[in-house]
Amino acid sequence: MQSRDARFDGWFVTAVLTTGIYCRPSCPARTPLPRNVRFHPTAAAAQAAGFRPCKRCRPDASPGSPEWNVRGDVVARAMRLIADGTVDRDGVTGLAARLGYTTRQLERILQAEVGAGPLALARSQRTQTARILIETTDLPFGEVAFAAGFSSIRQFNDTVRAVFDMTPTGLRARARSRRHGAPGLPGTLSLRLPTRTPFAHDGVFGHLGAGTVPGIEEVRHGAYRRTLRLPWGWGIVALTPQPDHVRCQLTLTDFRDLASAIARCRRLLDLDADPEAVIQHLGTDPHLSALVAKAPGQRIPRTVDGAELAIRVLLGQQVSVKAARTHVRRLVTAYGEPIEDPGGDLTHLFPSVTGLADVVPEHLALPTARRHSFSRLVQAIAAGDVELGPGGDWERTRHRLLALPGVGPWTAEMIAMRGLGDPDAFPVDDLGLRRAAQQLGMRGSVRALTDHSIRWRPWRSYVTQHLWTALRNCQYLWIGVFQATSVPVCCSPSDGGLGGVISVGRSSSLPLWKTAPARTRATRCGALTARQRACAASISL
């Protein structure tokens, strides 16, 4: 607290007895006397104890605790499900059923671990959702109340007054006095997603941009845009990286999906990670220390939908990225739900698992064995045998994936890393990963690299991302171009590669293999460094 270290924001909050206010550890206000301070593991616990959030540091809007992304136990799974809005949709009974516990057991476990039960945790999230809607939209307060998950307007008013010490009208008036710029489109929200620094956004955004599938994803005006299938409707999100946060523009058909959409965007970009812990641990390995120091704060490119990621990984087995993108695009065009996108070229939602379960395998342009694998995977997800949501058990899901035909260790680990969010997943069979390890002086065999990776636990997913971005022939560049689209580039893809996208001076995205000549396209951008120009010029089309 005395050093105001922002690295601990989200890990816990500090409550001051004399003021009745709780703050982030990095709050710039005067440090209180130690005897007047109480520590709480979550904002919900502080609110349950009768404290209000500080209006200066806004602790309820700090990055989430990285602990829930590192752990795979019932508490971490419950916290991820609550963040995804499960309590608001299914109640505490539904949450307990998803986790395999009784409501009384779950209440006791959460109370002991995080200082608040599932209802209190959901109430805290509900209140933050209401605050966002109050401050960023002109919705009537009645609609805000029900969109945020409150059961009545009276409950909404009482909660807002108790938590923020202000009425909804006062919150909106204060936000309007600070608001700049013209209002956005109806149904559109502009948010700031905080993250911990350092934040090496080039890696995660470059990876996502390089693998965009037309129709459901695109890179436009320096932002990664994609469609979202949500519990109450659908949405479109545009994510633009900044040094210490991500600008998020959300368009929703139903504001009840706001909390879920924010949670999925944060999960997609791994914004709740603890980069300092990763840097400190991996920096002790002499093979990795220079690589980690060169680009500290790498994030794992994850997903907004575990089922979508699993299907895309399966379709990408043993083919080039161009072929994988073609397979996914055909699937989206044939079975995805059409939508309208006034701000871009997005056309569809990724097909639902229920819809894909009815697909006739013979209609898919895939090898016979791959069709069978696709059908079995979709059936397992639809039946609930494979749980790929935020509350899934990592090890159980791995075992059940490996029991499916056509799913090997590489596929299971890729799904665990990007779909489930396991920070220790390690696709050691990945050829690009092994090549990068050899370039750094490590032995590249599967057995030798597996043995060496024991010292990297529990952060092997982050090692994977570092090694991918270190490949001499495959570098992800997210190049911010003034008055043009940002450009993710992946040079000379190996092992299928990850493809690339380049678009200079326009707002559209083109696959890199369709831009010719590459040297001319890359050199046209004055913002490219000499190294980036050399990288783009080395691409063999």
Protein backbone atom coordinates (compact mmCIF):
# COMPACT_ATOMS: atom_id res chain seq x y z
CA MET A 1 0.00 0.00 0.00
CA GLN A 2 2.78 2.43 0.88
CA SER A 3 4.49 1.85 -2.47
CA ARG A 4 1.12 1.95 -4.32
CA ASP A 5 2.16 -1.06 -6.37
CA ALA A 6 -0.37 -1.52 -9.19
CA ARG A 7 0.75 -5.13 -9.69
CA PHE A 8 -1.49 -6.14 -6.79
CA ASP A 9 -4.65 -4.47 -8.11
CA GLY A 10 -7.29 -7.17 -8.39
CA TRP A 11 -5.51 -9.53 -5.99
CA PHE A 12 -7.20 -7.94 -2.96
CA VAL A 13 -8.77 -4.69 -1.79
CA THR A 14 -8.05 -2.54 1.26
CA ALA A 15 -10.94 -1.27 3.37
CA VAL A 16 -10.63 1.70 5.72
CA LEU A 17 -12.73 1.59 8.89
CA THR A 18 -12.81 5.34 9.46
CA THR A 19 -14.14 6.21 5.99
CA GLY A 20 -16.16 3.11 5.12
CA ILE A 21 -14.40 2.97 1.73
CA TYR A 22 -12.38 0.22 0.05
CA CYS A 23 -9.60 0.88 -2.46
CA ARG A 24 -7.07 -0.73 -4.76
CA PRO A 25 -3.59 -1.23 -3.28
CA SER A 26 -2.38 1.44 -5.75
CA CYS A 27 -4.93 4.09 -4.75
CA PRO A 28 -3.27 7.55 -4.85
CA ALA A 29 -5.15 8.74 -1.75
CA ARG A 30 -3.30 9.24 1.52
CA THR A 31 -2.24 5.95 3.10
CA PRO A 32 -4.47 5.22 6.13
CA LEU A 33 -3.18 4.20 9.53
CA PRO A 34 -2.50 0.43 9.73
CA ARG A 35 -4.91 -0.03 12.63
CA ASN A 36 -7.77 1.28 10.48
CA VAL A 37 -7.15 -1.03 7.52
CA ARG A 38 -8.86 -4.34 6.78
CA PHE A 39 -8.01 -6.57 3.81
CA HIS A 40 -10.59 -8.40 1.71
CA PRO A 41 -9.89 -10.89 -1.10
CA THR A 42 -12.61 -9.51 -3.40
CA ALA A 43 -14.69 -6.40 -3.94
CA ALA A 44 -17.77 -8.48 -3.16
CA ALA A 45 -16.38 -9.36 0.27
CA ALA A 46 -15.71 -5.67 1.00
CA GLN A 47 -19.22 -4.71 -0.12
CA ALA A 48 -20.73 -7.47 2.01
CA ALA A 49 -18.84 -6.02 4.99
CA GLY A 50 -20.50 -2.64 4.37
CA PHE A 51 -17.74 -0.76 2.52
CA ARG A 52 -18.21 1.41 -0.59
CA PRO A 53 -15.81 1.59 -3.55
CA CYS A 54 -13.45 4.54 -3.70
CA LYS A 55 -14.55 7.09 -6.32
CA ARG A 56 -10.96 7.99 -7.04
CA CYS A 57 -9.35 4.61 -7.83
CA ARG A 58 -12.56 2.64 -8.66
CA PRO A 59 -11.41 -0.72 -7.28
CA ASP A 60 -14.47 -2.50 -8.69
CA ALA A 61 -13.13 -1.78 -12.20
CA SER A 62 -9.60 -3.13 -11.66
CA PRO A 63 -8.31 -6.19 -13.57
CA GLY A 64 -9.60 -9.49 -12.25
CA SER A 65 -7.50 -11.67 -9.99
CA PRO A 66 -5.09 -13.81 -12.04
CA GLU A 67 -5.50 -16.55 -9.45
CA TRP A 68 -8.75 -17.73 -11.03
CA ASN A 69 -7.02 -18.25 -14.38
CA VAL A 70 -4.09 -20.18 -12.90
CA ARG A 71 -6.08 -22.58 -10.75
CA GLY A 72 -8.34 -25.38 -11.93
CA ASP A 73 -10.10 -26.15 -8.64
CA VAL A 74 -13.77 -25.64 -7.86
CA VAL A 75 -13.32 -22.09 -6.52
CA ALA A 76 -11.55 -20.91 -9.66
CA ARG A 77 -14.12 -22.64 -11.88
CA ALA A 78 -16.94 -21.04 -9.89
CA MET A 79 -15.38 -17.59 -10.18
CA ARG A 80 -15.02 -17.97 -13.96
CA LEU A 81 -18.65 -19.11 -14.30
CA ILE A 82 -19.93 -16.25 -12.13
CA ALA A 83 -17.99 -13.77 -14.29
CA ASP A 84 -19.67 -15.30 -17.34
CA GLY A 85 -23.10 -14.58 -15.84
CA THR A 86 -24.14 -18.11 -14.85
CA VAL A 87 -25.75 -17.02 -11.56
CA ASP A 88 -27.85 -14.36 -13.29
CA ARG A 89 -29.06 -16.89 -15.89
CA ASP A 90 -29.34 -20.13 -13.89
CA GLY A 91 -29.20 -19.07 -10.26
CA VAL A 92 -26.98 -20.50 -7.54
CA THR A 93 -28.62 -23.89 -8.01
CA GLY A 94 -27.58 -23.94 -11.67
CA LEU A 95 -24.04 -22.87 -10.77
CA ALA A 96 -23.73 -25.62 -8.16
CA ALA A 97 -25.06 -28.20 -10.61
CA ARG A 98 -22.47 -27.17 -13.22
CA LEU A 99 -19.73 -27.73 -10.63
CA GLY A 100 -21.13 -30.95 -9.16
CA TYR A 101 -21.71 -29.57 -5.65
CA THR A 102 -24.73 -28.77 -3.52
CA THR A 103 -25.59 -25.11 -3.01
CA ARG A 104 -24.67 -25.35 0.69
CA GLN A 105 -21.26 -26.84 -0.08
CA LEU A 106 -20.55 -24.23 -2.72
CA GLU A 107 -21.61 -21.39 -0.42
CA ARG A 108 -19.30 -22.65 2.32
CA ILE A 109 -16.32 -23.14 -0.01
CA LEU A 110 -16.60 -19.68 -1.59
CA GLN A 111 -17.18 -17.96 1.74
CA ALA A 112 -14.03 -19.51 3.16
CA GLU A 113 -11.90 -18.78 0.09
CA VAL A 114 -13.03 -15.38 -1.24
CA GLY A 115 -15.02 -13.97 1.67
CA ALA A 116 -18.37 -13.92 -0.14
CA GLY A 117 -20.96 -16.38 -1.40
CA PRO A 118 -22.09 -16.78 -5.01
CA LEU A 119 -25.01 -14.36 -4.61
CA ALA A 120 -22.77 -11.63 -3.18
CA LEU A 121 -20.23 -12.16 -5.95
CA ALA A 122 -22.95 -11.98 -8.60
CA ARG A 123 -24.40 -8.89 -6.93
CA SER A 124 -21.04 -7.14 -7.11
CA GLN A 125 -20.74 -7.94 -10.81
CA ARG A 126 -24.34 -6.90 -11.39
CA THR A 127 -23.63 -3.55 -9.78
CA GLN A 128 -20.57 -2.96 -11.96
CA THR A 129 -22.62 -3.84 -15.07
CA ALA A 130 -25.29 -1.37 -13.99
CA ARG A 131 -22.66 1.31 -13.49
CA ILE A 132 -21.32 0.79 -17.02
CA LEU A 133 -24.81 1.02 -18.51
CA ILE A 134 -25.67 4.10 -16.44
CA GLU A 135 -22.50 5.95 -17.38
CA THR A 136 -22.13 4.96 -21.04
CA THR A 137 -25.71 4.76 -22.35
CA ASP A 138 -28.92 6.76 -22.26
CA LEU A 139 -31.10 3.74 -21.48
CA PRO A 140 -33.99 4.36 -19.07
CA PHE A 141 -33.10 3.19 -15.60
CA GLY A 142 -35.79 0.51 -15.71
CA GLU A 143 -34.10 -1.09 -18.70
CA VAL A 144 -30.69 -0.71 -17.06
CA ALA A 145 -31.95 -2.51 -13.95
CA PHE A 146 -33.22 -5.57 -15.79
CA ALA A 147 -30.33 -5.64 -18.27
CA ALA A 148 -27.88 -5.70 -15.34
CA GLY A 149 -29.71 -8.65 -13.79
CA PHE A 150 -31.71 -7.01 -10.99
CA SER A 151 -35.13 -8.48 -10.31
CA SER A 152 -36.81 -5.13 -9.60
CA ILE A 153 -36.21 -1.39 -10.01
CA ARG A 154 -36.40 -0.93 -6.25
CA GLN A 155 -33.64 -3.49 -5.73
CA PHE A 156 -31.59 -1.73 -8.40
CA ASN A 157 -31.99 1.71 -6.79
CA ASP A 158 -31.23 0.44 -3.28
CA THR A 159 -28.12 -1.45 -4.41
CA VAL A 160 -26.71 1.46 -6.40
CA ARG A 161 -27.21 3.83 -3.47
CA ALA A 162 -25.67 1.38 -1.00
CA VAL A 163 -22.62 0.52 -3.11
CA PHE A 164 -21.80 3.87 -4.73
CA ASP A 165 -23.35 6.28 -2.22
CA MET A 166 -25.05 7.97 -5.18
CA THR A 167 -28.35 7.62 -6.97
CA PRO A 168 -28.43 6.35 -10.56
CA THR A 169 -29.34 9.87 -11.67
CA GLY A 170 -26.27 11.27 -9.90
CA LEU A 171 -23.98 8.68 -11.46
CA ARG A 172 -25.24 9.50 -14.94
CA ALA A 173 -25.00 13.25 -14.41
CA ARG A 174 -21.41 12.94 -13.22
CA ALA A 175 -20.49 10.73 -16.19
CA ARG A 176 -22.06 13.17 -18.67
CA SER A 177 -20.00 16.01 -17.27
CA ARG A 178 -16.83 14.02 -18.08
CA ARG A 179 -17.99 12.54 -21.38
CA HIS A 180 -16.30 13.71 -24.56
CA GLY A 181 -17.18 13.09 -28.20
CA ALA A 182 -20.41 12.33 -29.99
CA PRO A 183 -22.66 9.50 -28.83
CA GLY A 184 -22.19 6.15 -30.58
CA LEU A 185 -24.64 4.01 -32.48
CA PRO A 186 -27.69 2.62 -30.63
CA GLY A 187 -26.75 -0.55 -28.77
CA THR A 188 -23.03 0.34 -28.88
CA LEU A 189 -20.83 0.78 -25.81
CA SER A 190 -17.25 2.06 -25.61
CA LEU A 191 -15.31 0.55 -22.73
CA ARG A 192 -11.79 0.46 -21.36
CA LEU A 193 -10.58 -3.04 -20.46
CA PRO A 194 -7.73 -2.64 -17.95
CA THR A 195 -4.82 -5.06 -17.82
CA ARG A 196 -1.60 -5.45 -15.92
CA THR A 197 1.64 -4.20 -17.41
CA PRO A 198 3.87 -5.04 -19.14
CA PHE A 199 1.46 -5.88 -21.94
CA ALA A 200 3.08 -7.28 -25.10
CA HIS A 201 -0.03 -6.92 -27.20
CA ASP A 202 1.79 -7.51 -30.50
CA GLY A 203 1.90 -11.25 -29.86
CA VAL A 204 -1.72 -11.89 -28.96
CA PHE A 205 -3.20 -9.43 -31.48
CA GLY A 206 -0.83 -10.58 -34.20
CA HIS A 207 -1.84 -14.19 -33.63
CA LEU A 208 -5.56 -13.40 -33.69
CA GLY A 209 -5.25 -11.12 -36.69
CA ALA A 210 -3.21 -13.62 -38.67
CA GLY A 211 -5.85 -16.32 -38.26
CA THR A 212 -8.97 -14.28 -39.05
CA VAL A 213 -11.78 -16.14 -40.82
CA PRO A 214 -13.76 -13.88 -43.21
CA GLY A 215 -17.33 -13.41 -42.08
CA ILE A 216 -16.76 -13.85 -38.35
CA GLU A 217 -13.47 -11.96 -37.88
CA GLU A 218 -11.58 -9.10 -39.49
CA VAL A 219 -8.91 -6.48 -38.85
CA ARG A 220 -10.20 -2.95 -39.50
CA HIS A 221 -8.94 0.52 -38.52
CA GLY A 222 -6.34 -0.88 -36.15
CA ALA A 223 -8.84 -3.09 -34.33
CA TYR A 224 -9.50 -6.81 -34.20
CA ARG A 225 -13.23 -7.26 -34.80
CA ARG A 226 -15.36 -10.37 -34.47
CA THR A 227 -18.90 -11.59 -33.88
CA LEU A 228 -20.06 -13.01 -30.56
CA ARG A 229 -22.74 -15.61 -29.88
CA LEU A 230 -24.09 -14.73 -26.43
CA PRO A 231 -26.68 -16.25 -24.07
CA TRP A 232 -29.44 -13.71 -24.83
CA GLY A 233 -28.52 -12.62 -28.35
CA TRP A 234 -25.41 -11.74 -30.31
CA GLY A 235 -22.89 -8.95 -30.55
CA ILE A 236 -19.94 -7.47 -32.41
CA VAL A 237 -16.76 -6.39 -30.64
CA ALA A 238 -13.87 -4.23 -31.84
CA LEU A 239 -10.70 -4.48 -29.72
CA THR A 240 -7.86 -1.98 -30.08
CA PRO A 241 -4.65 -2.47 -28.05
CA GLN A 242 -3.09 0.27 -25.94
CA PRO A 243 0.00 0.10 -23.68
CA ASP A 244 -1.94 -0.53 -20.45
CA HIS A 245 -5.47 -1.36 -21.60
CA VAL A 246 -7.61 -2.40 -24.55
CA ARG A 247 -10.24 -0.15 -26.06
CA CYS A 248 -13.41 -2.16 -26.51
CA GLN A 249 -16.38 -1.16 -28.64
CA LEU A 250 -19.31 -3.49 -28.09
CA THR A 251 -22.50 -3.65 -30.13
CA LEU A 252 -25.13 -5.85 -28.45
CA THR A 253 -28.63 -6.90 -29.42
CA ASP A 254 -29.48 -7.45 -25.73
CA PHE A 255 -27.77 -5.54 -22.92
CA ARG A 256 -28.30 -8.49 -20.57
CA ASP A 257 -25.28 -9.96 -22.35
CA LEU A 258 -22.95 -7.14 -21.30
CA ALA A 259 -21.24 -8.93 -18.39
CA SER A 260 -20.80 -12.11 -20.44
CA ALA A 261 -19.42 -10.17 -23.42
CA ILE A 262 -16.87 -8.32 -21.26
CA ALA A 263 -15.78 -11.54 -19.55
CA ARG A 264 -15.31 -13.28 -22.90
CA CYS A 265 -13.31 -10.40 -24.35
CA ARG A 266 -11.04 -10.39 -21.33
CA ARG A 267 -10.64 -14.15 -21.62
CA LEU A 268 -9.91 -13.89 -25.36
CA LEU A 269 -6.98 -11.54 -24.73
CA ASP A 270 -5.87 -13.06 -21.40
CA LEU A 271 -6.19 -9.64 -19.75
CA ASP A 272 -6.32 -10.97 -16.18
CA ALA A 273 -2.89 -12.60 -16.41
CA ASP A 274 -0.09 -11.82 -13.96
CA PRO A 275 2.85 -10.95 -16.27
CA GLU A 276 5.28 -10.23 -13.45
CA ALA A 277 4.91 -13.75 -12.05
CA VAL A 278 5.50 -15.23 -15.51
CA ILE A 279 8.54 -13.02 -16.16
CA GLN A 280 10.09 -13.75 -12.79
CA HIS A 281 9.68 -17.52 -13.17
CA LEU A 282 10.68 -17.93 -16.83
CA GLY A 283 13.52 -15.42 -16.59
CA THR A 284 15.50 -17.88 -14.47
CA ASP A 285 15.94 -20.25 -17.44
CA PRO A 286 19.11 -19.24 -19.34
CA HIS A 287 17.57 -20.40 -22.61
CA LEU A 288 14.51 -18.15 -22.20
CA SER A 289 15.77 -15.17 -20.22
CA ALA A 290 16.77 -13.07 -23.25
CA LEU A 291 13.56 -13.97 -25.09
CA VAL A 292 11.36 -13.05 -22.14
CA ALA A 293 13.26 -9.80 -21.53
CA LYS A 294 12.86 -8.87 -25.19
CA ALA A 295 9.03 -9.07 -25.14
CA PRO A 296 7.84 -9.21 -21.52
CA GLY A 297 4.15 -9.53 -20.84
CA GLN A 298 3.09 -11.97 -23.57
CA ARG A 299 -0.55 -13.04 -23.44
CA ILE A 300 -2.13 -16.26 -24.67
CA PRO A 301 -4.48 -15.83 -27.66
CA ARG A 302 -7.54 -17.59 -26.28
CA THR A 303 -11.15 -17.67 -27.45
CA VAL A 304 -14.62 -16.33 -26.80
CA ASP A 305 -16.16 -19.77 -27.28
CA GLY A 306 -14.47 -23.02 -26.33
CA ALA A 307 -16.57 -25.11 -28.70
CA GLU A 308 -15.69 -22.86 -31.65
CA LEU A 309 -11.99 -23.08 -30.81
CA ALA A 310 -12.10 -26.89 -30.54
CA ILE A 311 -13.76 -27.22 -33.94
CA ARG A 312 -11.29 -24.81 -35.54
CA VAL A 313 -8.32 -26.68 -34.08
CA LEU A 314 -9.71 -29.98 -35.39
CA LEU A 315 -10.25 -28.55 -38.87
CA GLY A 316 -6.71 -27.17 -38.83
CA GLN A 317 -5.02 -30.53 -38.26
CA GLN A 318 -2.33 -31.43 -40.80
CA VAL A 319 -3.31 -28.70 -43.30
CA SER A 320 -2.02 -25.24 -44.09
CA VAL A 321 -3.60 -22.27 -42.42
CA LYS A 322 -5.04 -21.21 -45.76
CA ALA A 323 -6.82 -24.56 -46.05
CA ALA A 324 -7.97 -24.42 -42.41
CA ARG A 325 -9.40 -20.93 -42.92
CA THR A 326 -11.18 -22.17 -46.03
CA HIS A 327 -12.76 -25.08 -44.14
CA VAL A 328 -13.96 -22.82 -41.33
CA ARG A 329 -15.24 -20.18 -43.77
CA ARG A 330 -17.28 -22.79 -45.64
CA LEU A 331 -18.72 -24.06 -42.36
CA VAL A 332 -19.63 -20.53 -41.29
CA THR A 333 -21.21 -19.65 -44.63
CA ALA A 334 -23.26 -22.84 -44.79
CA TYR A 335 -24.41 -23.18 -41.18
CA GLY A 336 -23.74 -19.86 -39.43
CA GLU A 337 -26.49 -17.39 -38.56
CA PRO A 338 -26.43 -14.32 -40.84
CA ILE A 339 -26.12 -10.91 -39.18
CA GLU A 340 -25.75 -7.28 -40.24
CA ASP A 341 -22.63 -5.25 -39.53
CA PRO A 342 -22.99 -1.52 -40.35
CA GLY A 343 -19.38 -0.87 -39.31
CA GLY A 344 -17.59 -3.55 -41.31
CA ASP A 345 -17.75 -6.76 -43.32
CA LEU A 346 -18.77 -9.28 -40.66
CA THR A 347 -21.62 -11.42 -41.94
CA HIS A 348 -22.22 -14.43 -39.69
CA LEU A 349 -22.07 -15.91 -36.22
CA PHE A 350 -20.08 -19.09 -35.83
CA PRO A 351 -22.54 -22.03 -36.01
CA SER A 352 -23.94 -23.27 -32.73
CA VAL A 353 -23.04 -26.76 -31.55
CA THR A 354 -26.72 -27.70 -31.67
CA GLY A 355 -26.89 -26.70 -35.32
CA LEU A 356 -23.67 -28.50 -36.20
CA ALA A 357 -24.92 -31.71 -34.54
CA ASP A 358 -27.48 -32.01 -37.36
CA VAL A 359 -24.92 -31.59 -40.16
CA VAL A 360 -24.67 -34.53 -42.54
CA PRO A 361 -20.95 -35.44 -42.52
CA GLU A 362 -20.96 -36.23 -46.24
CA HIS A 363 -21.73 -32.56 -46.94
CA LEU A 364 -18.37 -31.51 -45.49
CA ALA A 365 -15.42 -31.16 -47.85
CA LEU A 366 -13.14 -33.14 -45.53
CA PRO A 367 -11.40 -36.52 -45.61
CA THR A 368 -13.56 -39.39 -44.36
CA ALA A 369 -11.62 -39.82 -41.11
CA ARG A 370 -11.79 -36.07 -40.40
CA ARG A 371 -15.56 -36.06 -40.98
CA HIS A 372 -15.93 -38.83 -38.40
CA SER A 373 -13.75 -36.94 -35.92
CA PHE A 374 -15.74 -33.75 -36.52
CA SER A 375 -19.07 -35.50 -35.92
CA ARG A 376 -17.88 -37.23 -32.74
CA LEU A 377 -16.44 -34.00 -31.31
CA VAL A 378 -19.61 -32.03 -32.00
CA GLN A 379 -21.79 -34.77 -30.53
CA ALA A 380 -19.63 -34.96 -27.39
CA ILE A 381 -19.82 -31.18 -26.87
CA ALA A 382 -23.58 -31.09 -27.54
CA ALA A 383 -24.21 -33.96 -25.09
CA GLY A 384 -22.12 -32.29 -22.38
CA ASP A 385 -19.56 -35.10 -22.31
CA VAL A 386 -16.83 -32.56 -23.15
CA GLU A 387 -17.13 -29.33 -21.15
CA LEU A 388 -15.29 -26.48 -22.89
CA GLY A 389 -16.82 -23.54 -21.03
CA PRO A 390 -15.12 -21.41 -18.36
CA GLY A 391 -16.18 -23.86 -15.65
CA GLY A 392 -14.76 -26.97 -17.29
CA ASP A 393 -12.40 -29.25 -15.41
CA TRP A 394 -9.09 -29.10 -17.30
CA GLU A 395 -7.83 -32.63 -16.69
CA ARG A 396 -11.19 -34.33 -17.16
CA THR A 397 -11.72 -32.48 -20.43
CA ARG A 398 -8.26 -33.52 -21.65
CA HIS A 399 -9.00 -37.20 -20.96
CA ARG A 400 -12.36 -37.06 -22.70
CA LEU A 401 -10.92 -35.26 -25.71
CA LEU A 402 -8.17 -37.85 -26.08
CA ALA A 403 -10.81 -40.59 -26.05
CA LEU A 404 -12.35 -39.18 -29.22
CA PRO A 405 -11.19 -40.49 -32.62
CA GLY A 406 -8.79 -38.18 -34.42
CA VAL A 407 -7.91 -36.16 -31.31
CA GLY A 408 -4.28 -36.56 -30.28
CA PRO A 409 -2.06 -34.86 -27.69
CA TRP A 410 -1.37 -31.81 -29.89
CA THR A 411 -5.08 -31.14 -30.44
CA ALA A 412 -5.95 -31.70 -26.78
CA GLU A 413 -3.18 -29.39 -25.56
CA MET A 414 -4.08 -26.66 -28.05
CA ILE A 415 -7.70 -26.79 -26.88
CA ALA A 416 -6.57 -26.80 -23.23
CA MET A 417 -4.29 -23.79 -23.81
CA ARG A 418 -6.57 -21.61 -25.93
CA GLY A 419 -10.03 -22.97 -25.17
CA LEU A 420 -9.89 -23.88 -21.49
CA GLY A 421 -7.26 -21.32 -20.51
CA ASP A 422 -4.91 -23.76 -18.77
CA PRO A 423 -1.66 -21.77 -18.25
CA ASP A 424 0.35 -24.99 -18.09
CA ALA A 425 -0.84 -26.56 -21.36
CA PHE A 426 2.08 -27.47 -23.57
CA PRO A 427 1.62 -28.70 -27.18
CA VAL A 428 5.08 -30.22 -27.33
CA ASP A 429 4.29 -31.98 -30.62
CA ASP A 430 3.99 -28.61 -32.37
CA LEU A 431 6.72 -28.46 -35.00
CA GLY A 432 7.06 -24.66 -34.83
CA LEU A 433 7.50 -24.78 -31.06
CA ARG A 434 10.22 -27.42 -31.33
CA ARG A 435 12.03 -25.50 -34.07
CA ALA A 436 12.03 -22.37 -31.93
CA ALA A 437 13.37 -24.34 -28.97
CA GLN A 438 16.22 -25.64 -31.14
CA GLN A 439 17.06 -22.10 -32.25
CA LEU A 440 17.47 -21.19 -28.58
CA GLY A 441 19.89 -24.05 -27.98
CA MET A 442 17.51 -26.61 -26.52
CA ARG A 443 17.09 -30.17 -27.73
CA GLY A 444 14.08 -30.35 -30.02
CA SER A 445 12.90 -33.91 -29.51
CA VAL A 446 9.53 -34.39 -27.85
CA ARG A 447 10.94 -36.28 -24.90
CA ALA A 448 13.84 -33.90 -24.27
CA LEU A 449 11.64 -30.82 -24.54
CA THR A 450 9.03 -32.36 -22.24
CA ASP A 451 11.67 -33.08 -19.62
CA HIS A 452 13.12 -29.57 -19.97
CA SER A 453 9.65 -27.99 -19.67
CA ILE A 454 9.18 -29.24 -16.11
CA ARG A 455 11.14 -26.21 -14.87
CA TRP A 456 8.68 -23.90 -16.66
CA ARG A 457 5.59 -25.13 -14.83
CA PRO A 458 2.97 -23.76 -14.25
CA TRP A 459 3.55 -21.28 -17.10
CA ARG A 460 4.22 -23.53 -20.10
CA SER A 461 1.46 -21.93 -22.19
CA TYR A 462 3.33 -18.64 -21.97
CA VAL A 463 6.55 -20.37 -23.00
CA THR A 464 4.67 -21.65 -26.05
CA GLN A 465 3.62 -18.12 -26.98
CA HIS A 466 7.15 -16.79 -26.48
CA LEU A 467 8.61 -19.56 -28.65
CA TRP A 468 6.04 -19.03 -31.40
CA THR A 469 6.80 -15.34 -31.61
CA ALA A 470 10.54 -16.05 -31.59
CA LEU A 471 10.58 -18.15 -34.75
CA ARG A 472 12.94 -16.61 -37.26
CA ASN A 473 10.58 -17.50 -40.09
CA CYS A 474 7.34 -16.70 -38.29
CA GLN A 475 7.00 -13.37 -36.51
CA TYR A 476 3.68 -11.79 -35.58
CA LEU A 477 3.74 -8.08 -36.25
CA TRP A 478 0.82 -5.92 -35.19
CA ILE A 479 1.85 -2.71 -36.95
CA GLY A 480 -0.09 0.43 -36.09
CA VAL A 481 -0.35 2.49 -39.26
CA PHE A 482 -1.40 6.13 -39.14
CA GLN A 483 -4.79 6.53 -40.89
CA ALA A 484 -4.70 2.92 -42.01
CA THR A 485 -5.40 -0.55 -40.77
CA SER A 486 -3.05 -2.28 -38.34
CA VAL A 487 -1.25 -5.14 -40.00
CA PRO A 488 -0.58 -8.54 -38.45
CA VAL A 489 2.06 -10.38 -40.49
CA CYS A 490 3.29 -13.94 -40.14
CA CYS A 491 6.33 -14.55 -42.28
CA SER A 492 7.08 -17.85 -44.01
CA PRO A 493 4.59 -20.02 -42.10
CA SER A 494 6.03 -23.34 -40.98
CA ASP A 495 4.12 -26.46 -39.96
CA GLY A 496 1.05 -25.01 -41.60
CA GLY A 497 2.06 -21.62 -40.19
CA LEU A 498 -0.49 -19.13 -39.05
CA GLY A 499 -0.99 -17.23 -42.29
CA GLY A 500 -0.95 -13.47 -42.39
CA VAL A 501 -2.96 -10.38 -43.10
CA ILE A 502 -1.76 -7.11 -44.53
CA SER A 503 -3.83 -4.07 -45.41
CA VAL A 504 -2.20 -0.70 -45.93
CA GLY A 505 -4.20 2.46 -46.54
CA ARG A 506 -7.54 0.64 -46.56
CA SER A 507 -10.04 -0.55 -44.00
CA SER A 508 -10.31 -4.09 -45.31
CA SER A 509 -8.19 -7.15 -44.64
CA LEU A 510 -6.61 -9.37 -47.27
CA PRO A 511 -4.85 -12.69 -46.81
CA LEU A 512 -1.13 -12.14 -47.17
CA TRP A 513 -0.79 -14.72 -49.93
CA LYS A 514 -3.19 -12.62 -52.06
CA THR A 515 -1.22 -9.39 -51.76
CA ALA A 516 1.42 -8.97 -54.44
CA PRO A 517 4.11 -7.98 -54.48
CA ALA A 518 4.73 -8.29 -50.74
CA ARG A 519 7.80 -6.01 -50.87
CA THR A 520 5.77 -3.19 -52.46
CA ARG A 521 2.88 -3.57 -50.03
CA ALA A 522 5.06 -3.56 -46.96
CA THR A 523 7.40 -0.78 -48.09
CA ARG A 524 4.46 1.49 -48.90
CA CYS A 525 3.89 1.90 -45.17
CA GLY A 526 6.31 4.47 -43.81
CA ALA A 527 5.71 3.27 -40.24
CA LEU A 528 7.51 -0.04 -40.84
CA THR A 529 10.93 -0.45 -39.32
CA ALA A 530 13.83 -1.82 -41.35
CA ARG A 531 13.48 -5.18 -39.62
CA GLN A 532 9.76 -5.32 -40.36
CA ARG A 533 10.33 -4.43 -44.01
CA ALA A 534 12.94 -7.17 -44.26
CA CYS A 535 10.55 -9.62 -42.63
CA ALA A 536 7.74 -8.79 -45.05
CA ALA A 537 10.09 -8.94 -48.02
CA SER A 538 11.23 -12.42 -47.03
CA ILE A 539 7.78 -13.91 -47.55
CA SER A 540 7.67 -16.47 -50.35
CA LEU A 541 4.30 -16.31 -52.04
